[in-house]
Amino acid sequence: MSDSPTSLGQSPELADQLASFVSPLLQWLDSQLDQRLVRTFLRSLQAILMLRHPRYGLLLSELGA
């Protein structure tokens, strides 16, 4: 999945490293689930790593909902 958008404060290199780290899991999930769910999962991981503040880190707006 090369679809890794960047947002404020997130470097493209970090997004690429995360995608390559979870690539085996993403490939397995892609064979089992809809691609949109897999993409949302990857973006959720990116948001969790990027926004580490416990109060604001998991806002739905940051997860693309």
C-alpha atoms as a PDB file:
ATOM      1  CA  MET A   1       0.000   0.000   0.000  1.00  0.00           C
ATOM      2  CA  SER A   2       1.832   3.072  -1.195  1.00  0.00           C
ATOM      3  CA  ASP A   3      -1.118   5.293  -0.287  1.00  0.00           C
ATOM      4  CA  SER A   4       0.365   7.120   2.703  1.00  0.00           C
ATOM      5  CA  PRO A   5      -0.747  10.732   2.872  1.00  0.00           C
ATOM      6  CA  THR A   6       1.186  13.137   4.996  1.00  0.00           C
ATOM      7  CA  SER A   7      -0.278  15.746   7.281  1.00  0.00           C
ATOM      8  CA  LEU A   8       1.065  18.438   9.553  1.00  0.00           C
ATOM      9  CA  GLY A   9       4.025  17.232  11.567  1.00  0.00           C
ATOM     10  CA  GLN A  10       4.311  13.860   9.862  1.00  0.00           C
ATOM     11  CA  SER A  11       7.308  13.160   7.689  1.00  0.00           C
ATOM     12  CA  PRO A  12       6.935  11.034   4.560  1.00  0.00           C
ATOM     13  CA  GLU A  13       9.903   8.946   5.692  1.00  0.00           C
ATOM     14  CA  LEU A  14       8.185   7.995   8.946  1.00  0.00           C
ATOM     15  CA  ALA A  15       5.001   7.068   7.081  1.00  0.00           C
ATOM     16  CA  ASP A  16       7.022   4.899   4.675  1.00  0.00           C
ATOM     17  CA  GLN A  17       8.874   3.214   7.551  1.00  0.00           C
ATOM     18  CA  LEU A  18       5.610   2.429   9.298  1.00  0.00           C
ATOM     19  CA  ALA A  19       4.066   1.065   6.097  1.00  0.00           C
ATOM     20  CA  SER A  20       7.071  -1.180   5.449  1.00  0.00           C
ATOM     21  CA  PHE A  21       7.102  -2.357   9.086  1.00  0.00           C
ATOM     22  CA  VAL A  22       3.451  -3.429   9.028  1.00  0.00           C
ATOM     23  CA  SER A  23       3.503  -4.511   5.375  1.00  0.00           C
ATOM     24  CA  PRO A  24       3.144  -8.267   6.065  1.00  0.00           C
ATOM     25  CA  LEU A  25       0.143  -7.588   8.275  1.00  0.00           C
ATOM     26  CA  LEU A  26      -1.353  -5.185   5.734  1.00  0.00           C
ATOM     27  CA  GLN A  27      -0.967  -7.751   2.951  1.00  0.00           C
ATOM     28  CA  TRP A  28      -2.695 -10.402   5.018  1.00  0.00           C
ATOM     29  CA  LEU A  29      -5.471  -8.013   6.018  1.00  0.00           C
ATOM     30  CA  ASP A  30      -5.881  -6.960   2.399  1.00  0.00           C
ATOM     31  CA  SER A  31      -6.530 -10.576   1.425  1.00  0.00           C
ATOM     32  CA  GLN A  32      -9.122 -10.940   4.191  1.00  0.00           C
ATOM     33  CA  LEU A  33     -10.818  -7.519   4.316  1.00  0.00           C
ATOM     34  CA  ASP A  34     -11.933  -4.686   2.123  1.00  0.00           C
ATOM     35  CA  GLN A  35      -9.067  -2.455   1.008  1.00  0.00           C
ATOM     36  CA  ARG A  36     -10.773   0.596   2.528  1.00  0.00           C
ATOM     37  CA  LEU A  37     -10.639  -0.990   5.983  1.00  0.00           C
ATOM     38  CA  VAL A  38      -6.964  -1.827   5.575  1.00  0.00           C
ATOM     39  CA  ARG A  39      -6.227   1.750   4.488  1.00  0.00           C
ATOM     40  CA  THR A  40      -8.157   3.073   7.497  1.00  0.00           C
ATOM     41  CA  PHE A  41      -6.164   0.765   9.769  1.00  0.00           C
ATOM     42  CA  LEU A  42      -2.868   2.099   8.416  1.00  0.00           C
ATOM     43  CA  ARG A  43      -4.035   5.702   8.766  1.00  0.00           C
ATOM     44  CA  SER A  44      -5.170   4.956  12.321  1.00  0.00           C
ATOM     45  CA  LEU A  45      -1.699   3.696  13.180  1.00  0.00           C
ATOM     46  CA  GLN A  46      -0.196   6.823  11.618  1.00  0.00           C
ATOM     47  CA  ALA A  47      -2.523   9.050  13.640  1.00  0.00           C
ATOM     48  CA  ILE A  48      -1.743   7.231  16.885  1.00  0.00           C
ATOM     49  CA  LEU A  49       1.995   7.640  16.347  1.00  0.00           C
ATOM     50  CA  MET A  50       1.741  11.215  15.141  1.00  0.00           C
ATOM     51  CA  LEU A  51      -0.664  12.491  17.806  1.00  0.00           C
ATOM     52  CA  ARG A  52       0.645  11.158  21.064  1.00  0.00           C
ATOM     53  CA  HIS A  53      -1.347  13.471  23.326  1.00  0.00           C
ATOM     54  CA  PRO A  54      -3.715  11.207  25.291  1.00  0.00           C
ATOM     55  CA  ARG A  55      -6.612  13.661  25.202  1.00  0.00           C
ATOM     56  CA  TYR A  56      -6.513  14.604  21.520  1.00  0.00           C
ATOM     57  CA  GLY A  57      -4.723  11.693  19.874  1.00  0.00           C
ATOM     58  CA  LEU A  58      -7.745   9.652  18.859  1.00  0.00           C
ATOM     59  CA  LEU A  59     -10.233  12.241  17.690  1.00  0.00           C
ATOM     60  CA  LEU A  60     -12.349  10.924  14.843  1.00  0.00           C
ATOM     61  CA  SER A  61     -11.474  13.930  12.715  1.00  0.00           C
ATOM     62  CA  GLU A  62      -7.805  12.939  12.890  1.00  0.00           C
ATOM     63  CA  LEU A  63      -8.637   9.394  11.762  1.00  0.00           C
ATOM     64  CA  GLY A  64     -10.386  10.600   8.648  1.00  0.00           C
ATOM     65  CA  ALA A  65     -13.962   9.890   9.758  1.00  0.00           C
END
